[in-house]
PDB file of N, CA and C in Angstrom:
ATOM      1  N   MET A   1      78.931  93.340 123.946  1.00  0.00           N
ATOM      2  CA  MET A   1      79.015  93.399 122.507  1.00  0.00           C
ATOM      3  C   MET A   1      80.094  92.421 122.043  1.00  0.00           C
ATOM      4  N   GLN A   2      79.716  91.495 121.194  1.00  0.00           N
ATOM      5  CA  GLN A   2      80.649  90.499 120.711  1.00  0.00           C
ATOM      6  C   GLN A   2      81.246  90.934 119.381  1.00  0.00           C
ATOM      7  N   GLN A   3      82.497  90.550 119.216  1.00  0.00           N
ATOM      8  CA  GLN A   3      83.154  90.830 117.944  1.00  0.00           C
ATOM      9  C   GLN A   3      83.304  89.526 117.191  1.00  0.00           C
ATOM     10  N   ALA A   4      83.013  89.579 115.921  1.00  0.00           N
ATOM     11  CA  ALA A   4      83.142  88.388 115.088  1.00  0.00           C
ATOM     12  C   ALA A   4      84.612  88.124 114.813  1.00  0.00           C
ATOM     13  N   ALA A   5      84.978  86.878 114.860  1.00  0.00           N
ATOM     14  CA  ALA A   5      86.354  86.500 114.543  1.00  0.00           C
ATOM     15  C   ALA A   5      86.557  86.581 113.041  1.00  0.00           C
ATOM     16  N   ARG A   6      87.676  87.189 112.653  1.00  0.00           N
ATOM     17  CA  ARG A   6      87.968  87.292 111.225  1.00  0.00           C
ATOM     18  C   ARG A   6      88.863  86.141 110.818  1.00  0.00           C
ATOM     19  N   SER A   7      88.541  85.565 109.690  1.00  0.00           N
ATOM     20  CA  SER A   7      89.435  84.525 109.179  1.00  0.00           C
ATOM     21  C   SER A   7      90.283  85.149 108.077  1.00  0.00           C
ATOM     22  N   VAL A   8      91.522  84.776 108.077  1.00  0.00           N
ATOM     23  CA  VAL A   8      92.459  85.299 107.091  1.00  0.00           C
ATOM     24  C   VAL A   8      92.791  84.174 106.133  1.00  0.00           C
ATOM     25  N   GLY A   9      92.516  84.397 104.860  1.00  0.00           N
ATOM     26  CA  GLY A   9      92.780  83.384 103.855  1.00  0.00           C
ATOM     27  C   GLY A   9      94.270  83.201 103.633  1.00  0.00           C
ATOM     28  N   PRO A  10      94.667  82.122 102.969  1.00  0.00           N
ATOM     29  CA  PRO A  10      96.093  81.854 102.763  1.00  0.00           C
ATOM     30  C   PRO A  10      96.785  82.939 101.959  1.00  0.00           C
ATOM     31  N   GLU A  11      96.051  83.645 101.112  1.00  0.00           N
ATOM     32  CA  GLU A  11      96.687  84.682 100.304  1.00  0.00           C
ATOM     33  C   GLU A  11      97.023  85.920 101.133  1.00  0.00           C
ATOM     34  N   ARG A  12      96.464  86.030 102.352  1.00  0.00           N
ATOM     35  CA  ARG A  12      96.705  87.195 103.182  1.00  0.00           C
ATOM     36  C   ARG A  12      97.503  86.874 104.434  1.00  0.00           C
ATOM     37  N   GLN A  13      98.023  85.686 104.543  1.00  0.00           N
ATOM     38  CA  GLN A  13      98.785  85.332 105.732  1.00  0.00           C
ATOM     39  C   GLN A  13     100.103  86.089 105.753  1.00  0.00           C
ATOM     40  N   VAL A  14     100.494  86.477 106.924  1.00  0.00           N
ATOM     41  CA  VAL A  14     101.757  87.179 107.093  1.00  0.00           C
ATOM     42  C   VAL A  14     102.798  86.163 107.536  1.00  0.00           C
ATOM     43  N   HIS A  15     103.880  86.107 106.814  1.00  0.00           N
ATOM     44  CA  HIS A  15     104.946  85.168 107.149  1.00  0.00           C
ATOM     45  C   HIS A  15     105.938  85.863 108.066  1.00  0.00           C
ATOM     46  N   ARG A  16     106.193  85.299 109.200  1.00  0.00           N
ATOM     47  CA  ARG A  16     107.113  85.875 110.166  1.00  0.00           C
ATOM     48  C   ARG A  16     108.539  85.609 109.719  1.00  0.00           C
ATOM     49  N   LEU A  17     109.386  86.583 109.890  1.00  0.00           N
ATOM     50  CA  LEU A  17     110.778  86.490 109.460  1.00  0.00           C
ATOM     51  C   LEU A  17     111.683  86.329 110.681  1.00  0.00           C
ATOM     52  N   THR A  18     111.392  85.356 111.510  1.00  0.00           N
ATOM     53  CA  THR A  18     112.179  85.176 112.720  1.00  0.00           C
ATOM     54  C   THR A  18     112.968  83.882 112.638  1.00  0.00           C
ATOM     55  N   ASN A  19     114.052  83.859 113.366  1.00  0.00           N
ATOM     56  CA  ASN A  19     114.912  82.684 113.489  1.00  0.00           C
ATOM     57  C   ASN A  19     115.374  82.142 112.136  1.00  0.00           C
ATOM     58  N   ILE A  20     115.775  83.012 111.253  1.00  0.00           N
ATOM     59  CA  ILE A  20     116.271  82.587 109.947  1.00  0.00           C
ATOM     60  C   ILE A  20     117.760  82.319 110.084  1.00  0.00           C
ATOM     61  N   GLU A  21     118.155  81.104 109.807  1.00  0.00           N
ATOM     62  CA  GLU A  21     119.549  80.718 109.933  1.00  0.00           C
ATOM     63  C   GLU A  21     120.301  80.841 108.611  1.00  0.00           C
ATOM     64  N   ASP A  22     119.600  80.869 107.514  1.00  0.00           N
ATOM     65  CA  ASP A  22     120.234  80.908 106.200  1.00  0.00           C
ATOM     66  C   ASP A  22     120.814  82.299 105.941  1.00  0.00           C
ATOM     67  N   GLY A  23     122.133  82.372 105.708  1.00  0.00           N
ATOM     68  CA  GLY A  23     122.787  83.647 105.457  1.00  0.00           C
ATOM     69  C   GLY A  23     122.277  84.330 104.203  1.00  0.00           C
ATOM     70  N   ASN A  24     121.916  83.543 103.174  1.00  0.00           N
ATOM     71  CA  ASN A  24     121.393  84.132 101.946  1.00  0.00           C
ATOM     72  C   ASN A  24     120.061  84.826 102.193  1.00  0.00           C
ATOM     73  N   ALA A  25     119.232  84.245 103.039  1.00  0.00           N
ATOM     74  CA  ALA A  25     117.944  84.862 103.339  1.00  0.00           C
ATOM     75  C   ALA A  25     118.153  86.179 104.080  1.00  0.00           C
ATOM     76  N   ARG A  26     119.110  86.215 105.005  1.00  0.00           N
ATOM     77  CA  ARG A  26     119.393  87.458 105.736  1.00  0.00           C
ATOM     78  C   ARG A  26     119.964  88.513 104.797  1.00  0.00           C
ATOM     79  N   ALA A  27     120.834  88.113 103.894  1.00  0.00           N
ATOM     80  CA  ALA A  27     121.392  89.055 102.932  1.00  0.00           C
ATOM     81  C   ALA A  27     120.285  89.612 102.042  1.00  0.00           C
ATOM     82  N   GLN A  28     119.334  88.782 101.656  1.00  0.00           N
ATOM     83  CA  GLN A  28     118.220  89.240 100.834  1.00  0.00           C
ATOM     84  C   GLN A  28     117.347  90.224 101.604  1.00  0.00           C
ATOM     85  N   GLN A  29     117.134  89.963 102.895  1.00  0.00           N
ATOM     86  CA  GLN A  29     116.336  90.879 103.708  1.00  0.00           C
ATOM     87  C   GLN A  29     117.027  92.228 103.820  1.00  0.00           C
ATOM     88  N   ASP A  30     118.361  92.224 104.017  1.00  0.00           N
ATOM     89  CA  ASP A  30     119.103  93.475 104.094  1.00  0.00           C
ATOM     90  C   ASP A  30     119.019  94.224 102.766  1.00  0.00           C
ATOM     91  N   PHE A  31     119.129  93.490 101.655  1.00  0.00           N
ATOM     92  CA  PHE A  31     119.031  94.110 100.338  1.00  0.00           C
ATOM     93  C   PHE A  31     117.652  94.742 100.154  1.00  0.00           C
ATOM     94  N   ASP A  32     116.605  94.037 100.570  1.00  0.00           N
ATOM     95  CA  ASP A  32     115.252  94.575 100.463  1.00  0.00           C
ATOM     96  C   ASP A  32     115.101  95.834 101.305  1.00  0.00           C
ATOM     97  N   LEU A  33     115.710  95.853 102.479  1.00  0.00           N
ATOM     98  CA  LEU A  33     115.640  97.012 103.354  1.00  0.00           C
ATOM     99  C   LEU A  33     116.395  98.194 102.744  1.00  0.00           C
ATOM    100  N   ILE A  34     117.538  97.923 102.128  1.00  0.00           N
ATOM    101  CA  ILE A  34     118.292  98.982 101.459  1.00  0.00           C
ATOM    102  C   ILE A  34     117.480  99.552 100.298  1.00  0.00           C
ATOM    103  N   GLU A  35     116.857  98.689  99.521  1.00  0.00           N
ATOM    104  CA  GLU A  35     116.047  99.159  98.398  1.00  0.00           C
ATOM    105  C   GLU A  35     114.849  99.977  98.881  1.00  0.00           C
ATOM    106  N   MET A  36     114.234  99.561  99.974  1.00  0.00           N
ATOM    107  CA  MET A  36     113.122 100.321 100.540  1.00  0.00           C
ATOM    108  C   MET A  36     113.603 101.702 100.978  1.00  0.00           C
ATOM    109  N   LEU A  37     114.737 101.754 101.672  1.00  0.00           N
ATOM    110  CA  LEU A  37     115.291 103.041 102.097  1.00  0.00           C
ATOM    111  C   LEU A  37     115.620 103.911 100.888  1.00  0.00           C
ATOM    112  N   ARG A  38     116.247 103.312  99.873  1.00  0.00           N
ATOM    113  CA  ARG A  38     116.614 104.072  98.672  1.00  0.00           C
ATOM    114  C   ARG A  38     115.385 104.682  97.998  1.00  0.00           C
ATOM    115  N   ASN A  39     114.316 103.906  97.886  1.00  0.00           N
ATOM    116  CA  ASN A  39     113.097 104.400  97.236  1.00  0.00           C
ATOM    117  C   ASN A  39     112.446 105.515  98.033  1.00  0.00           C
ATOM    118  N   VAL A  40     112.382 105.372  99.348  1.00  0.00           N
ATOM    119  CA  VAL A  40     111.746 106.392 100.187  1.00  0.00           C
ATOM    120  C   VAL A  40     112.576 107.670 100.195  1.00  0.00           C
ATOM    121  N   ILE A  41     113.875 107.533 100.407  1.00  0.00           N
ATOM    122  CA  ILE A  41     114.730 108.721 100.500  1.00  0.00           C
ATOM    123  C   ILE A  41     114.799 109.452  99.169  1.00  0.00           C
ATOM    124  N   ALA A  42     114.822 108.719  98.062  1.00  0.00           N
ATOM    125  CA  ALA A  42     114.883 109.356  96.741  1.00  0.00           C
ATOM    126  C   ALA A  42     113.676 110.258  96.496  1.00  0.00           C
ATOM    127  N   LEU A  43     112.549 109.926  97.090  1.00  0.00           N
ATOM    128  CA  LEU A  43     111.362 110.769  96.945  1.00  0.00           C
ATOM    129  C   LEU A  43     111.427 112.030  97.808  1.00  0.00           C
ATOM    130  N   LEU A  44     112.284 112.033  98.818  1.00  0.00           N
ATOM    131  CA  LEU A  44     112.337 113.140  99.770  1.00  0.00           C
ATOM    132  C   LEU A  44     113.447 114.145  99.491  1.00  0.00           C
ATOM    133  N   VAL A  45     114.393 113.807  98.634  1.00  0.00           N
ATOM    134  CA  VAL A  45     115.559 114.664  98.434  1.00  0.00           C
ATOM    135  C   VAL A  45     115.503 115.379  97.087  1.00  0.00           C
ATOM    136  N   ASP A  46     116.311 116.440  96.978  1.00  0.00           N
ATOM    137  CA  ASP A  46     116.403 117.196  95.727  1.00  0.00           C
ATOM    138  C   ASP A  46     117.491 116.650  94.804  1.00  0.00           C
ATOM    139  N   TRP A  47     118.469 115.930  95.361  1.00  0.00           N
ATOM    140  CA  TRP A  47     119.584 115.380  94.596  1.00  0.00           C
ATOM    141  C   TRP A  47     119.591 113.854  94.727  1.00  0.00           C
ATOM    142  N   PRO A  48     118.622 113.141  94.153  1.00  0.00           N
ATOM    143  CA  PRO A  48     118.603 111.680  94.315  1.00  0.00           C
ATOM    144  C   PRO A  48     119.789 110.987  93.662  1.00  0.00           C
ATOM    145  N   GLU A  49     120.431 111.633  92.687  1.00  0.00           N
ATOM    146  CA  GLU A  49     121.583 111.006  92.041  1.00  0.00           C
ATOM    147  C   GLU A  49     122.797 110.944  92.976  1.00  0.00           C
ATOM    148  N   CYS A  50     122.812 111.730  94.041  1.00  0.00           N
ATOM    149  CA  CYS A  50     123.909 111.699  95.017  1.00  0.00           C
ATOM    150  C   CYS A  50     123.649 110.706  96.151  1.00  0.00           C
ATOM    151  N   LEU A  51     122.478 110.120  96.182  1.00  0.00           N
ATOM    152  CA  LEU A  51     122.120 109.182  97.241  1.00  0.00           C
ATOM    153  C   LEU A  51     122.923 107.893  97.113  1.00  0.00           C
ATOM    154  N   ASN A  52     123.567 107.514  98.207  1.00  0.00           N
ATOM    155  CA  ASN A  52     124.303 106.263  98.257  1.00  0.00           C
ATOM    156  C   ASN A  52     124.099 105.658  99.641  1.00  0.00           C
ATOM    157  N   ILE A  53     123.862 104.354  99.690  1.00  0.00           N
ATOM    158  CA  ILE A  53     123.669 103.667 100.959  1.00  0.00           C
ATOM    159  C   ILE A  53     124.654 102.515 101.022  1.00  0.00           C
ATOM    160  N   ARG A  54     125.442 102.491 102.087  1.00  0.00           N
ATOM    161  CA  ARG A  54     126.347 101.364 102.284  1.00  0.00           C
ATOM    162  C   ARG A  54     126.063 100.746 103.644  1.00  0.00           C
ATOM    163  N   GLU A  55     126.454  99.504 103.767  1.00  0.00           N
ATOM    164  CA  GLU A  55     126.122  98.717 104.944  1.00  0.00           C
ATOM    165  C   GLU A  55     127.396  98.309 105.661  1.00  0.00           C
ATOM    166  N   THR A  56     127.406  98.437 106.978  1.00  0.00           N
ATOM    167  CA  THR A  56     128.495  97.909 107.789  1.00  0.00           C
ATOM    168  C   THR A  56     127.887  97.016 108.856  1.00  0.00           C
ATOM    169  N   ARG A  57     128.616  95.973 109.224  1.00  0.00           N
ATOM    170  CA  ARG A  57     128.107  95.008 110.207  1.00  0.00           C
ATOM    171  C   ARG A  57     129.087  94.862 111.358  1.00  0.00           C
ATOM    172  N   ARG A  58     128.509  94.679 112.532  1.00  0.00           N
ATOM    173  CA  ARG A  58     129.263  94.305 113.731  1.00  0.00           C
ATOM    174  C   ARG A  58     128.452  93.233 114.429  1.00  0.00           C
ATOM    175  N   GLY A  59     128.820  91.993 114.207  1.00  0.00           N
ATOM    176  CA  GLY A  59     128.040  90.887 114.771  1.00  0.00           C
ATOM    177  C   GLY A  59     126.654  90.856 114.152  1.00  0.00           C
ATOM    178  N   GLU A  60     125.627  90.932 114.982  1.00  0.00           N
ATOM    179  CA  GLU A  60     124.249  90.956 114.491  1.00  0.00           C
ATOM    180  C   GLU A  60     123.760  92.375 114.211  1.00  0.00           C
ATOM    181  N   ASP A  61     124.539  93.391 114.615  1.00  0.00           N
ATOM    182  CA  ASP A  61     124.143  94.780 114.385  1.00  0.00           C
ATOM    183  C   ASP A  61     124.477  95.189 112.954  1.00  0.00           C
ATOM    184  N   VAL A  62     123.571  95.918 112.345  1.00  0.00           N
ATOM    185  CA  VAL A  62     123.760  96.417 110.982  1.00  0.00           C
ATOM    186  C   VAL A  62     123.602  97.929 111.012  1.00  0.00           C
ATOM    187  N   THR A  63     124.544  98.637 110.398  1.00  0.00           N
ATOM    188  CA  THR A  63     124.453 100.085 110.279  1.00  0.00           C
ATOM    189  C   THR A  63     124.397 100.437 108.806  1.00  0.00           C
ATOM    190  N   PHE A  64     123.381 101.197 108.428  1.00  0.00           N
ATOM    191  CA  PHE A  64     123.271 101.707 107.064  1.00  0.00           C
ATOM    192  C   PHE A  64     123.748 103.155 107.089  1.00  0.00           C
ATOM    193  N   VAL A  65     124.813 103.433 106.323  1.00  0.00           N
ATOM    194  CA  VAL A  65     125.342 104.782 106.209  1.00  0.00           C
ATOM    195  C   VAL A  65     124.744 105.380 104.945  1.00  0.00           C
ATOM    196  N   ILE A  66     123.974 106.436 105.126  1.00  0.00           N
ATOM    197  CA  ILE A  66     123.265 107.063 104.011  1.00  0.00           C
ATOM    198  C   ILE A  66     124.001 108.347 103.652  1.00  0.00           C
ATOM    199  N   GLN A  67     124.519 108.394 102.437  1.00  0.00           N
ATOM    200  CA  GLN A  67     125.237 109.566 101.961  1.00  0.00           C
ATOM    201  C   GLN A  67     124.296 110.398 101.104  1.00  0.00           C
ATOM    202  N   LEU A  68     124.201 111.684 101.448  1.00  0.00           N
ATOM    203  CA  LEU A  68     123.304 112.609 100.766  1.00  0.00           C
ATOM    204  C   LEU A  68     124.059 113.877 100.400  1.00  0.00           C
ATOM    205  N   ALA A  69     123.548 114.604  99.420  1.00  0.00           N
ATOM    206  CA  ALA A  69     124.090 115.923  99.112  1.00  0.00           C
ATOM    207  C   ALA A  69     123.874 116.823 100.323  1.00  0.00           C
ATOM    208  N   LEU A  70     124.783 117.756 100.546  1.00  0.00           N
ATOM    209  CA  LEU A  70     124.720 118.604 101.728  1.00  0.00           C
ATOM    210  C   LEU A  70     123.381 119.338 101.875  1.00  0.00           C
ATOM    211  N   PRO A  71     122.820 119.913 100.806  1.00  0.00           N
ATOM    212  CA  PRO A  71     121.505 120.554 100.981  1.00  0.00           C
ATOM    213  C   PRO A  71     120.424 119.563 101.427  1.00  0.00           C
ATOM    214  N   ASP A  72     120.498 118.333 100.958  1.00  0.00           N
ATOM    215  CA  ASP A  72     119.513 117.322 101.354  1.00  0.00           C
ATOM    216  C   ASP A  72     119.757 116.833 102.777  1.00  0.00           C
ATOM    217  N   LEU A  73     121.014 116.804 103.192  1.00  0.00           N
ATOM    218  CA  LEU A  73     121.338 116.348 104.531  1.00  0.00           C
ATOM    219  C   LEU A  73     120.671 117.223 105.580  1.00  0.00           C
ATOM    220  N   ASN A  74     120.501 118.503 105.274  1.00  0.00           N
ATOM    221  CA  ASN A  74     119.848 119.413 106.211  1.00  0.00           C
ATOM    222  C   ASN A  74     118.404 119.011 106.486  1.00  0.00           C
ATOM    223  N   HIS A  75     117.746 118.347 105.543  1.00  0.00           N
ATOM    224  CA  HIS A  75     116.383 117.862 105.777  1.00  0.00           C
ATOM    225  C   HIS A  75     116.364 116.741 106.807  1.00  0.00           C
ATOM    226  N   PHE A  76     117.442 115.979 106.865  1.00  0.00           N
ATOM    227  CA  PHE A  76     117.496 114.811 107.738  1.00  0.00           C
ATOM    228  C   PHE A  76     118.186 115.101 109.064  1.00  0.00           C
ATOM    229  N   GLN A  77     119.035 116.124 109.103  1.00  0.00           N
ATOM    230  CA  GLN A  77     119.729 116.474 110.335  1.00  0.00           C
ATOM    231  C   GLN A  77     119.559 117.955 110.638  1.00  0.00           C
ATOM    232  N   GLY A  78     118.396 118.480 110.389  1.00  0.00           N
ATOM    233  CA  GLY A  78     118.127 119.888 110.638  1.00  0.00           C
ATOM    234  C   GLY A  78     117.904 120.150 112.113  1.00  0.00           C
ATOM    235  N   ALA A  79     117.304 121.291 112.395  1.00  0.00           N
ATOM    236  CA  ALA A  79     117.089 121.701 113.773  1.00  0.00           C
ATOM    237  C   ALA A  79     116.233 120.700 114.545  1.00  0.00           C
ATOM    238  N   HIS A  80     115.226 120.159 113.894  1.00  0.00           N
ATOM    239  CA  HIS A  80     114.333 119.234 114.593  1.00  0.00           C
ATOM    240  C   HIS A  80     114.560 117.780 114.192  1.00  0.00           C
ATOM    241  N   GLU A  81     115.198 117.548 113.071  1.00  0.00           N
ATOM    242  CA  GLU A  81     115.592 116.208 112.621  1.00  0.00           C
ATOM    243  C   GLU A  81     114.415 115.237 112.543  1.00  0.00           C
ATOM    244  N   ARG A  82     113.249 115.721 112.191  1.00  0.00           N
ATOM    245  CA  ARG A  82     112.060 114.862 112.170  1.00  0.00           C
ATOM    246  C   ARG A  82     112.116 113.795 111.091  1.00  0.00           C
ATOM    247  N   THR A  83     112.594 114.150 109.911  1.00  0.00           N
ATOM    248  CA  THR A  83     112.629 113.181 108.816  1.00  0.00           C
ATOM    249  C   THR A  83     113.587 112.040 109.131  1.00  0.00           C
ATOM    250  N   GLY A  84     114.769 112.362 109.627  1.00  0.00           N
ATOM    251  CA  GLY A  84     115.744 111.335 109.987  1.00  0.00           C
ATOM    252  C   GLY A  84     115.239 110.439 111.110  1.00  0.00           C
ATOM    253  N   GLU A  85     114.618 111.050 112.108  1.00  0.00           N
ATOM    254  CA  GLU A  85     114.079 110.252 113.215  1.00  0.00           C
ATOM    255  C   GLU A  85     112.934 109.363 112.749  1.00  0.00           C
ATOM    256  N   SER A  86     112.116 109.843 111.840  1.00  0.00           N
ATOM    257  CA  SER A  86     111.014 109.025 111.322  1.00  0.00           C
ATOM    258  C   SER A  86     111.550 107.806 110.577  1.00  0.00           C
ATOM    259  N   LEU A  87     112.589 108.003 109.778  1.00  0.00           N
ATOM    260  CA  LEU A  87     113.211 106.861 109.086  1.00  0.00           C
ATOM    261  C   LEU A  87     113.809 105.875 110.085  1.00  0.00           C
ATOM    262  N   ARG A  88     114.403 106.397 111.138  1.00  0.00           N
ATOM    263  CA  ARG A  88     114.977 105.512 112.158  1.00  0.00           C
ATOM    264  C   ARG A  88     113.893 104.664 112.830  1.00  0.00           C
ATOM    265  N   VAL A  89     112.725 105.242 113.057  1.00  0.00           N
ATOM    266  CA  VAL A  89     111.614 104.499 113.673  1.00  0.00           C
ATOM    267  C   VAL A  89     111.182 103.353 112.766  1.00  0.00           C
ATOM    268  N   VAL A  90     111.063 103.624 111.467  1.00  0.00           N
ATOM    269  CA  VAL A  90     110.644 102.589 110.518  1.00  0.00           C
ATOM    270  C   VAL A  90     111.686 101.471 110.456  1.00  0.00           C
ATOM    271  N   VAL A  91     112.960 101.842 110.379  1.00  0.00           N
ATOM    272  CA  VAL A  91     114.023 100.845 110.276  1.00  0.00           C
ATOM    273  C   VAL A  91     114.141 100.050 111.573  1.00  0.00           C
ATOM    274  N   LYS A  92     113.944 100.715 112.702  1.00  0.00           N
ATOM    275  CA  LYS A  92     113.997 100.012 113.979  1.00  0.00           C
ATOM    276  C   LYS A  92     112.875  98.975 114.076  1.00  0.00           C
ATOM    277  N   ALA A  93     111.685  99.335 113.589  1.00  0.00           N
ATOM    278  CA  ALA A  93     110.563  98.380 113.588  1.00  0.00           C
ATOM    279  C   ALA A  93     110.876  97.181 112.696  1.00  0.00           C
ATOM    280  N   ALA A  94     111.472  97.432 111.541  1.00  0.00           N
ATOM    281  CA  ALA A  94     111.858  96.325 110.659  1.00  0.00           C
ATOM    282  C   ALA A  94     112.914  95.466 111.333  1.00  0.00           C
ATOM    283  N   GLY A  95     113.848  96.090 112.024  1.00  0.00           N
ATOM    284  CA  GLY A  95     114.886  95.349 112.722  1.00  0.00           C
ATOM    285  C   GLY A  95     114.325  94.487 113.841  1.00  0.00           C
ATOM    286  N   MET A  96     113.322  94.980 114.548  1.00  0.00           N
ATOM    287  CA  MET A  96     112.705  94.183 115.602  1.00  0.00           C
ATOM    288  C   MET A  96     112.049  92.947 115.010  1.00  0.00           C
ATOM    289  N   ARG A  97     111.443  93.109 113.864  1.00  0.00           N
ATOM    290  CA  ARG A  97     110.811  91.971 113.211  1.00  0.00           C
ATOM    291  C   ARG A  97     111.843  90.939 112.753  1.00  0.00           C
ATOM    292  N   LEU A  98     113.011  91.434 112.346  1.00  0.00           N
ATOM    293  CA  LEU A  98     114.088  90.552 111.889  1.00  0.00           C
ATOM    294  C   LEU A  98     114.997  90.099 113.036  1.00  0.00           C
ATOM    295  N   LYS A  99     114.692  90.573 114.242  1.00  0.00           N
ATOM    296  CA  LYS A  99     115.500  90.264 115.438  1.00  0.00           C
ATOM    297  C   LYS A  99     116.939  90.717 115.249  1.00  0.00           C
ATOM    298  N   ARG A 100     117.086  91.967 114.778  1.00  0.00           N
ATOM    299  CA  ARG A 100     118.391  92.569 114.585  1.00  0.00           C
ATOM    300  C   ARG A 100     118.327  94.016 115.040  1.00  0.00           C
ATOM    301  N   ARG A 101     119.485  94.541 115.377  1.00  0.00           N
ATOM    302  CA  ARG A 101     119.579  95.956 115.692  1.00  0.00           C
ATOM    303  C   ARG A 101     120.077  96.664 114.439  1.00  0.00           C
ATOM    304  N   ILE A 102     119.275  97.595 113.939  1.00  0.00           N
ATOM    305  CA  ILE A 102     119.614  98.298 112.704  1.00  0.00           C
ATOM    306  C   ILE A 102     119.696  99.786 113.012  1.00  0.00           C
ATOM    307  N   LEU A 103     120.804 100.395 112.627  1.00  0.00           N
ATOM    308  CA  LEU A 103     121.045 101.810 112.881  1.00  0.00           C
ATOM    309  C   LEU A 103     121.184 102.559 111.561  1.00  0.00           C
ATOM    310  N   LEU A 104     120.879 103.851 111.596  1.00  0.00           N
ATOM    311  CA  LEU A 104     121.061 104.718 110.435  1.00  0.00           C
ATOM    312  C   LEU A 104     122.027 105.829 110.792  1.00  0.00           C
ATOM    313  N   GLU A 105     122.941 106.111 109.881  1.00  0.00           N
ATOM    314  CA  GLU A 105     123.833 107.258 109.994  1.00  0.00           C
ATOM    315  C   GLU A 105     123.742 108.040 108.698  1.00  0.00           C
ATOM    316  N   PHE A 106     123.854 109.359 108.803  1.00  0.00           N
ATOM    317  CA  PHE A 106     123.777 110.217 107.627  1.00  0.00           C
ATOM    318  C   PHE A 106     125.105 110.928 107.435  1.00  0.00           C
ATOM    319  N   GLU A 107     125.560 110.999 106.172  1.00  0.00           N
ATOM    320  CA  GLU A 107     126.805 111.691 105.819  1.00  0.00           C
ATOM    321  C   GLU A 107     126.541 112.608 104.632  1.00  0.00           C
ATOM    322  N   ALA A 108     127.358 113.655 104.536  1.00  0.00           N
ATOM    323  CA  ALA A 108     127.234 114.603 103.429  1.00  0.00           C
ATOM    324  C   ALA A 108     128.179 114.217 102.294  1.00  0.00           C
ATOM    325  N   VAL A 109     127.714 114.426 101.077  1.00  0.00           N
ATOM    326  CA  VAL A 109     128.506 114.233  99.866  1.00  0.00           C
ATOM    327  C   VAL A 109     128.410 115.526  99.078  1.00  0.00           C
ATOM    328  N   ASP A 110     129.523 115.982  98.539  1.00  0.00           N
ATOM    329  CA  ASP A 110     129.525 117.202  97.742  1.00  0.00           C
ATOM    330  C   ASP A 110     129.010 116.878  96.339  1.00  0.00           C
ATOM    331  N   PRO A 111     127.845 117.432  95.935  1.00  0.00           N
ATOM    332  CA  PRO A 111     127.326 117.100  94.601  1.00  0.00           C
ATOM    333  C   PRO A 111     128.243 117.578  93.483  1.00  0.00           C
ATOM    334  N   ALA A 112     129.018 118.635  93.703  1.00  0.00           N
ATOM    335  CA  ALA A 112     129.937 119.115  92.668  1.00  0.00           C
ATOM    336  C   ALA A 112     131.062 118.109  92.458  1.00  0.00           C
ATOM    337  N   ALA A 113     131.477 117.425  93.511  1.00  0.00           N
ATOM    338  CA  ALA A 113     132.541 116.435  93.379  1.00  0.00           C
ATOM    339  C   ALA A 113     132.052 115.196  92.651  1.00  0.00           C
ATOM    340  N   GLU A 114     130.761 114.920  92.726  1.00  0.00           N
ATOM    341  CA  GLU A 114     130.200 113.755  92.061  1.00  0.00           C
ATOM    342  C   GLU A 114     130.021 113.975  90.558  1.00  0.00           C
ATOM    343  N   ALA A 115     129.892 115.233  90.137  1.00  0.00           N
ATOM    344  CA  ALA A 115     129.657 115.537  88.729  1.00  0.00           C
ATOM    345  C   ALA A 115     130.972 115.382  87.953  1.00  0.00           C
ATOM    346  N   PRO A 116     130.900 114.912  86.710  1.00  0.00           N
ATOM    347  CA  PRO A 116     132.134 114.802  85.914  1.00  0.00           C
ATOM    348  C   PRO A 116     132.675 116.186  85.589  1.00  0.00           C
ATOM    349  N   ALA A 117     133.992 116.285  85.477  1.00  0.00           N
ATOM    350  CA  ALA A 117     134.630 117.555  85.153  1.00  0.00           C
ATOM    351  C   ALA A 117     134.253 117.978  83.730  1.00  0.00           C
ATOM    352  N   PRO A 118     134.030 119.272  83.526  1.00  0.00           N
ATOM    353  CA  PRO A 118     133.675 119.722  82.184  1.00  0.00           C
ATOM    354  C   PRO A 118     134.850 119.543  81.218  1.00  0.00           C
ATOM    355  N   ALA A 119     134.524 119.279  79.983  1.00  0.00           N
ATOM    356  CA  ALA A 119     135.564 119.076  78.960  1.00  0.00           C
ATOM    357  C   ALA A 119     136.214 120.432  78.650  1.00  0.00           C
ATOM    358  N   PRO A 120     137.545 120.427  78.408  1.00  0.00           N
ATOM    359  CA  PRO A 120     138.207 121.692  78.075  1.00  0.00           C
ATOM    360  C   PRO A 120     137.699 122.222  76.726  1.00  0.00           C
ATOM    361  N   PRO A 121     137.655 123.518  76.587  1.00  0.00           N
ATOM    362  CA  PRO A 121     137.169 124.083  75.303  1.00  0.00           C
ATOM    363  C   PRO A 121     138.128 123.757  74.174  1.00  0.00           C
ATOM    364  N   GLU A 122     137.553 123.468  73.034  1.00  0.00           N
ATOM    365  CA  GLU A 122     138.372 123.154  71.858  1.00  0.00           C
ATOM    366  C   GLU A 122     138.754 124.436  71.148  1.00  0.00           C
ATOM    367  N   GLY A 123     139.934 124.433  70.622  1.00  0.00           N
ATOM    368  CA  GLY A 123     140.243 125.589  69.820  1.00  0.00           C
ATOM    369  C   GLY A 123     141.555 126.113  69.965  1.00  0.00           C
TER     370      GLY A 123
END
């Protein structure tokens, strides 16, 4: 049984993101990855306003520290940790494509500390 060869038009070509020497291009890729993580995680948590992602670098390694409200952190670091591991798989695949090692860490943030203090009563 023969399979027909598929031709891919120019509008559907996949551009490989390998061997990029331009620092601006790498910074843009990291920004895109942060935005992707922010959008996905915001859909999974109950306190999206407490979501914060910061980036740390060591050579070619990049670590994204994801800060979540404590109740939301339990979804990512619970007994089975499936959600956190699934995100790590996606980010690791993106890192392989970019020829970088990308790690995820999760931290808790107190949502009460993030809220502004109530105004004192007048009177």
